[in-house]
Amino acid sequence: NFCTHRRRVVNTELPSEHTGRAYTTYAHGCTMITARLAVLLLVARSASANMIVETAEYQSCVAAPSTCKSMSLPNTQLVGTLPTEFGVLTSLTYLGLYQNRFTGTVPTELGVLTGLTMLWLSENRLTGTLPSELGALTNLTLIWSSNNRLTGTLPSELGVLSRLNRVDIDGNRLTGTLPSELGGLTDLEFLWLFDNQLTGTLPSELGALNRLTEMSLHTNQLTGTLPSALSRITTLSTIYVCNNAGLCGDVPGGVTLASGRTSSTCLVGAIAGTLLGSSCPTLSPTASPSTSPTKSVATES
C-alpha cells in the first residue's frame, strides 16, 4: 500500500545507519509516516546528512512531525525537489531552506501550512511559478525567494497577506505586470523585485502601502510614470528604479529617489539633490536571516 511503498523508498534513499532510528514504529499511521518523509527525503539527498541528523531540531521533527514548528536547513548541500509531503507538517511556522541546490517547482502543498510566518527559499535553482496557493498563508510575514529561476507572473493572491512585512523575489525571471492587489499589503516595509523581466506600469494602488520604506524595482522592463499616489507614503525613503528604460515622466511631488537610482530611465525631478545619470547600484549578496532586513547597496560616483 501507499505507506509500505513510502517506507521502502525512504529505507532505500536514507543512509542505512539512519533508517532504524527514523522508523522505530508505524503505529502513528500513514499521515505520520508521510510527515516524516518531508524531513527524511531531504536529508537523504544531502552531503551533510550526518551533521543534520545529529541536530536536536531535526531529531524532534522526525520524532513528532505533527508538532514540528521550525525547519531550518540552510547551506547544507540539499538537492532534488522540495517534497510535497511538507503539506502535512501543519504546525510549521518557519521554513528555511535557502542556499542549497533544490530544483523543480515550489509545491502547491505549502499553501496548507497556515501557521507559516517565514518562508526562505532563496539561492536555490527553483523553477516554475510561485503557486497562487501561497495566498492562503495569512500569517506570513516574509517571503524570500531571491536568486532562483522562477518564471511567470507574481500571484495576485499575495495581495491578501496583510501581515507581510518583506517580499524579496529578486534575481529571478518573473514576467508580466505588478498586480494591483499588492496595495493590500498594509504591513509591507520592503518590496524587492529587482532583476526580473517585469513589464507594464506601476499600479497606483502601491500608494496604499503606508508603511513601505524601500521599493527596489531596478533592472526590469517597466514603463510609464511613477504614480503620484507614492507621494502619500511618508515612510518611503528609497525607490530604486534604474535600468527601466521605459520609465519616464516627472517624479511625483514629495517623492525623492536616491542618488544613482535613475540611470537608464528618463525620469526627472527630485533625486536626492544630485544630477540624473549616476550609475546603477551594485547588487550586494543576499542577506542571511540573522541580518538586518536592509540590503546594503553601493552607489558609484
Protein backbone atom coordinates (compact mmCIF):
# COMPACT_ATOMS: atom_id res chain seq x y z
CA ASN A 1 0.00 0.00 0.00
CA PHE A 2 0.98 3.68 -0.03
CA CYS A 3 2.69 3.65 3.36
CA THR A 4 4.60 0.44 2.69
CA HIS A 5 5.79 1.85 -0.60
CA ARG A 6 6.90 5.07 1.05
CA ARG A 7 8.78 3.17 3.73
CA ARG A 8 10.61 1.22 1.08
CA VAL A 9 11.55 4.45 -0.74
CA VAL A 10 12.92 6.07 2.41
CA ASN A 11 14.84 3.00 3.53
CA THR A 12 16.40 2.91 0.07
CA GLU A 13 17.36 6.59 -0.09
CA LEU A 14 18.35 7.19 3.52
CA PRO A 15 21.81 6.07 4.67
CA SER A 16 21.50 2.68 6.37
CA GLU A 17 22.68 3.93 9.75
CA HIS A 18 19.67 6.29 9.97
CA THR A 19 16.75 4.13 8.79
CA GLY A 20 16.26 2.26 12.05
CA ARG A 21 16.39 5.42 14.11
CA ALA A 22 13.85 7.14 11.87
CA TYR A 23 11.31 4.33 11.69
CA THR A 24 11.01 2.73 15.11
CA THR A 25 7.25 2.35 14.79
CA TYR A 26 4.44 2.71 12.28
CA ALA A 27 1.68 2.87 14.88
CA HIS A 28 1.01 6.53 14.13
CA GLY A 29 -0.45 5.68 10.73
CA CYS A 30 0.06 6.91 7.24
CA THR A 31 -0.07 10.64 7.97
CA MET A 32 2.76 10.38 10.47
CA ILE A 33 4.87 8.39 8.03
CA THR A 34 4.22 10.88 5.25
CA ALA A 35 5.11 13.79 7.51
CA ARG A 36 8.41 12.18 8.38
CA LEU A 37 9.18 11.84 4.71
CA ALA A 38 9.24 15.60 4.34
CA VAL A 39 12.28 15.62 6.61
CA LEU A 40 13.85 12.28 5.75
CA LEU A 41 13.88 12.60 1.99
CA LEU A 42 15.64 15.96 2.23
CA VAL A 43 18.41 14.68 4.45
CA ALA A 44 18.85 11.50 2.39
CA ARG A 45 19.90 13.67 -0.55
CA SER A 46 22.32 15.85 1.39
CA ALA A 47 26.09 15.52 1.55
CA SER A 48 25.75 16.85 5.11
CA ALA A 49 23.31 14.13 6.23
CA ASN A 50 25.32 13.01 9.26
CA MET A 51 25.66 16.57 10.54
CA ILE A 52 21.94 17.29 10.11
CA VAL A 53 20.75 14.07 11.77
CA GLU A 54 22.63 14.95 14.95
CA THR A 55 20.84 18.27 15.44
CA ALA A 56 18.15 18.48 18.09
CA GLU A 57 15.82 20.31 15.72
CA TYR A 58 16.00 17.55 13.14
CA GLN A 59 15.52 14.77 15.67
CA SER A 60 12.49 16.46 17.23
CA CYS A 61 10.84 16.95 13.84
CA VAL A 62 11.35 13.31 12.90
CA ALA A 63 10.10 12.10 16.29
CA ALA A 64 6.99 14.32 16.30
CA PRO A 65 6.42 15.91 12.88
CA SER A 66 2.89 16.99 13.77
CA THR A 67 4.36 19.41 16.33
CA CYS A 68 7.41 20.47 14.29
CA LYS A 69 7.46 24.27 14.24
CA SER A 70 10.80 25.10 12.66
CA MET A 71 12.68 23.52 9.76
CA SER A 72 15.97 25.36 9.25
CA LEU A 73 18.43 23.65 6.90
CA PRO A 74 20.35 26.43 5.12
CA ASN A 75 23.55 25.82 3.20
CA THR A 76 23.52 22.06 3.75
CA GLN A 77 24.03 20.94 0.14
CA LEU A 78 20.47 19.71 -0.20
CA VAL A 79 19.48 18.68 -3.74
CA GLY A 80 16.44 17.38 -5.59
CA THR A 81 12.91 18.72 -5.41
CA LEU A 82 11.00 20.07 -2.44
CA PRO A 83 8.83 17.22 -1.09
CA THR A 84 5.10 17.68 -1.43
CA GLU A 85 4.88 15.95 1.95
CA PHE A 86 5.69 19.27 3.59
CA GLY A 87 1.96 19.86 3.39
CA VAL A 88 1.32 17.64 6.42
CA LEU A 89 3.74 19.48 8.72
CA THR A 90 0.77 21.51 9.89
CA SER A 91 2.45 23.15 12.90
CA LEU A 92 5.33 24.59 10.87
CA THR A 93 5.92 28.31 11.38
CA TYR A 94 9.44 28.67 9.92
CA LEU A 95 10.79 27.02 6.76
CA GLY A 96 14.37 27.97 5.94
CA LEU A 97 15.88 26.07 3.00
CA TYR A 98 17.97 28.83 1.46
CA GLN A 99 21.45 28.45 -0.05
CA ASN A 100 21.02 24.87 -1.23
CA ARG A 101 20.68 23.27 -4.65
CA PHE A 102 16.98 22.49 -4.86
CA THR A 103 15.46 22.16 -8.32
CA GLY A 104 11.91 21.81 -9.57
CA THR A 105 8.91 23.85 -8.55
CA VAL A 106 7.60 25.28 -5.28
CA PRO A 107 4.98 22.75 -4.07
CA THR A 108 1.40 23.96 -4.01
CA GLU A 109 1.03 21.93 -0.80
CA LEU A 110 2.85 24.70 1.08
CA GLY A 111 -0.43 26.57 0.86
CA VAL A 112 -1.95 24.47 3.66
CA LEU A 113 0.71 25.49 6.19
CA THR A 114 -1.48 28.27 7.53
CA GLY A 115 0.70 28.83 10.60
CA LEU A 116 3.78 29.61 8.50
CA THR A 117 5.26 33.04 9.21
CA MET A 118 8.60 32.91 7.36
CA LEU A 119 9.39 31.22 4.04
CA TRP A 120 13.07 31.26 2.97
CA LEU A 121 13.80 29.61 -0.39
CA SER A 122 16.44 31.96 -1.76
CA GLU A 123 19.62 30.93 -3.58
CA ASN A 124 18.48 27.60 -4.96
CA ARG A 125 17.68 26.52 -8.52
CA LEU A 126 13.92 26.51 -8.29
CA THR A 127 11.90 26.88 -11.48
CA GLY A 128 8.27 27.31 -12.45
CA THR A 129 5.87 29.80 -10.96
CA LEU A 130 5.13 30.88 -7.42
CA PRO A 131 1.93 28.97 -6.56
CA SER A 132 -1.18 31.05 -6.01
CA GLU A 133 -1.90 28.80 -3.02
CA LEU A 134 0.62 30.86 -1.03
CA GLY A 135 -2.16 33.41 -0.77
CA ALA A 136 -3.73 31.21 1.93
CA LEU A 137 -0.78 31.77 4.31
CA THR A 138 -2.42 34.60 6.20
CA ASN A 139 0.19 34.59 8.99
CA LEU A 140 3.12 35.02 6.60
CA THR A 141 5.39 37.96 7.37
CA LEU A 142 8.24 37.20 4.96
CA ILE A 143 8.73 35.63 1.54
CA TRP A 144 12.37 35.44 0.49
CA SER A 145 12.85 33.57 -2.76
CA SER A 146 15.56 35.56 -4.48
CA ASN A 147 18.20 34.20 -6.85
CA ASN A 148 16.29 31.26 -8.24
CA ARG A 149 14.94 30.65 -11.75
CA LEU A 150 11.28 31.37 -11.11
CA THR A 151 9.13 32.38 -14.07
CA GLY A 152 5.60 33.55 -14.69
CA THR A 153 3.75 36.37 -13.00
CA LEU A 154 3.63 37.47 -9.40
CA PRO A 155 0.46 35.89 -7.96
CA SER A 156 -2.24 38.46 -7.27
CA GLU A 157 -3.35 36.24 -4.37
CA LEU A 158 -0.38 37.51 -2.35
CA GLY A 159 -2.24 40.79 -2.00
CA VAL A 160 -4.43 39.43 0.81
CA LEU A 161 -1.46 38.70 3.08
CA SER A 162 -1.90 41.76 5.24
CA ARG A 163 0.85 40.70 7.67
CA LEU A 164 3.59 40.53 5.05
CA ASN A 165 6.47 42.75 6.04
CA ARG A 166 9.04 41.78 3.41
CA VAL A 167 8.77 40.45 -0.13
CA ASP A 168 12.10 39.60 -1.78
CA ILE A 169 11.82 37.76 -5.09
CA ASP A 170 14.65 39.49 -6.93
CA GLY A 171 17.07 37.76 -9.27
CA ASN A 172 14.51 35.56 -11.00
CA ARG A 173 12.73 35.60 -14.37
CA LEU A 174 9.34 36.94 -13.38
CA THR A 175 7.30 38.48 -16.18
CA GLY A 176 4.05 40.37 -16.53
CA THR A 177 2.81 43.37 -14.61
CA LEU A 178 2.76 44.13 -10.91
CA PRO A 179 -0.69 43.14 -9.62
CA SER A 180 -2.76 45.99 -8.22
CA GLU A 181 -3.66 43.69 -5.32
CA LEU A 182 -0.22 44.42 -3.82
CA GLY A 183 -1.84 47.55 -2.46
CA GLY A 184 -3.46 45.34 0.18
CA LEU A 185 -0.13 44.58 1.88
CA THR A 186 -0.66 47.18 4.57
CA ASP A 187 2.23 45.98 6.77
CA LEU A 188 4.78 45.82 3.95
CA GLU A 189 8.05 47.66 4.55
CA PHE A 190 10.37 46.16 1.90
CA LEU A 191 9.39 45.29 -1.67
CA TRP A 192 12.34 43.87 -3.63
CA LEU A 193 11.53 42.69 -7.15
CA PHE A 194 14.62 43.92 -8.99
CA ASP A 195 16.49 41.97 -11.67
CA ASN A 196 13.46 40.30 -13.22
CA GLN A 197 11.60 40.86 -16.50
CA LEU A 198 8.57 42.72 -15.18
CA THR A 199 6.69 44.92 -17.64
CA GLY A 200 3.91 47.47 -17.66
CA THR A 201 3.24 50.41 -15.37
CA LEU A 202 3.37 50.68 -11.61
CA PRO A 203 -0.14 50.37 -10.14
CA SER A 204 -1.43 53.41 -8.28
CA GLU A 205 -2.57 51.05 -5.51
CA LEU A 206 1.04 50.96 -4.30
CA GLY A 207 0.27 54.32 -2.74
CA ALA A 208 -1.73 52.47 -0.06
CA LEU A 209 1.42 50.86 1.35
CA ASN A 210 1.69 53.37 4.16
CA ARG A 211 4.50 51.52 5.98
CA LEU A 212 6.73 50.99 2.94
CA THR A 213 10.30 52.17 3.42
CA GLU A 214 12.14 50.71 0.43
CA MET A 215 10.98 49.68 -3.04
CA SER A 216 13.58 48.08 -5.31
CA LEU A 217 12.35 47.64 -8.87
CA HIS A 218 15.50 48.31 -10.86
CA THR A 219 16.63 46.19 -13.81
CA ASN A 220 13.22 45.29 -15.18
CA GLN A 221 11.26 46.43 -18.24
CA LEU A 222 8.83 48.80 -16.53
CA THR A 223 7.20 51.62 -18.46
CA GLY A 224 5.05 54.67 -17.81
CA THR A 225 5.42 57.07 -14.91
CA LEU A 226 5.81 56.81 -11.17
CA PRO A 227 2.26 57.02 -9.77
CA SER A 228 1.52 60.23 -7.91
CA ALA A 229 -0.02 58.12 -5.11
CA LEU A 230 3.51 57.26 -3.96
CA SER A 231 3.77 60.76 -2.52
CA ARG A 232 1.28 59.72 0.18
CA ILE A 233 3.75 57.21 1.68
CA THR A 234 5.53 59.26 4.33
CA THR A 235 7.77 56.36 5.37
CA LEU A 236 9.17 55.73 1.88
CA SER A 237 12.84 56.66 1.94
CA THR A 238 14.25 54.95 -1.15
CA ILE A 239 12.97 53.90 -4.57
CA TYR A 240 15.35 52.01 -6.86
CA VAL A 241 14.24 52.23 -10.50
CA CYS A 242 17.36 52.35 -12.67
CA ASN A 243 17.57 50.18 -15.80
CA ASN A 244 13.91 50.57 -16.71
CA ALA A 245 14.32 52.40 -19.99
CA GLY A 246 10.59 52.95 -20.47
CA LEU A 247 10.05 54.58 -17.07
CA CYS A 248 9.59 58.26 -17.80
CA GLY A 249 7.94 61.47 -16.70
CA ASP A 250 8.13 63.59 -13.59
CA VAL A 251 8.92 62.26 -10.16
CA PRO A 252 5.79 62.93 -8.06
CA GLY A 253 5.97 65.75 -5.57
CA GLY A 254 7.16 64.58 -2.18
CA VAL A 255 8.98 61.55 -3.64
CA THR A 256 12.78 61.61 -3.62
CA LEU A 257 14.77 58.99 -5.45
CA ALA A 258 18.16 58.04 -4.09
CA SER A 259 21.29 59.02 -5.96
CA GLY A 260 22.12 56.62 -8.76
CA ARG A 261 18.68 55.02 -8.91
CA THR A 262 17.51 56.64 -12.13
CA SER A 263 20.14 55.84 -14.75
CA SER A 264 18.75 54.24 -17.91
CA THR A 265 15.39 55.90 -17.26
CA CYS A 266 14.06 59.27 -18.39
CA LEU A 267 12.67 60.37 -15.04
CA VAL A 268 13.14 63.96 -13.99
CA GLY A 269 12.66 65.53 -10.61
CA ALA A 270 13.96 65.29 -7.07
CA ILE A 271 16.87 62.86 -6.99
CA ALA A 272 18.32 63.41 -3.53
CA GLY A 273 19.83 66.69 -4.62
CA THR A 274 22.09 65.10 -7.24
CA LEU A 275 22.16 65.08 -11.02
CA LEU A 276 20.48 62.38 -13.08
CA GLY A 277 22.52 59.73 -14.83
CA SER A 278 24.51 58.31 -11.93
CA SER A 279 25.44 54.65 -12.07
CA CYS A 280 23.07 51.89 -11.07
CA PRO A 281 23.59 50.37 -7.62
CA THR A 282 25.92 47.43 -7.34
CA LEU A 283 23.95 44.39 -6.21
CA SER A 284 25.02 43.13 -2.81
CA PRO A 285 24.94 39.49 -1.68
CA THR A 286 21.62 38.29 -0.33
CA ALA A 287 21.39 38.91 3.39
CA SER A 288 21.02 35.95 5.72
CA PRO A 289 18.06 35.60 8.09
CA SER A 290 20.16 36.74 11.03
CA THR A 291 20.98 40.09 9.47
CA SER A 292 19.11 43.35 9.30
CA PRO A 293 16.38 43.43 6.63
CA THR A 294 18.01 46.38 4.90
CA LYS A 295 20.25 45.43 1.99
CA SER A 296 23.40 47.44 1.57
CA VAL A 297 23.54 48.82 -1.95
CA ALA A 298 26.62 50.69 -3.10
CA THR A 299 26.45 53.64 -5.47
CA GLU A 300 29.18 54.57 -7.87
CA SER A 301 30.00 58.22 -8.12
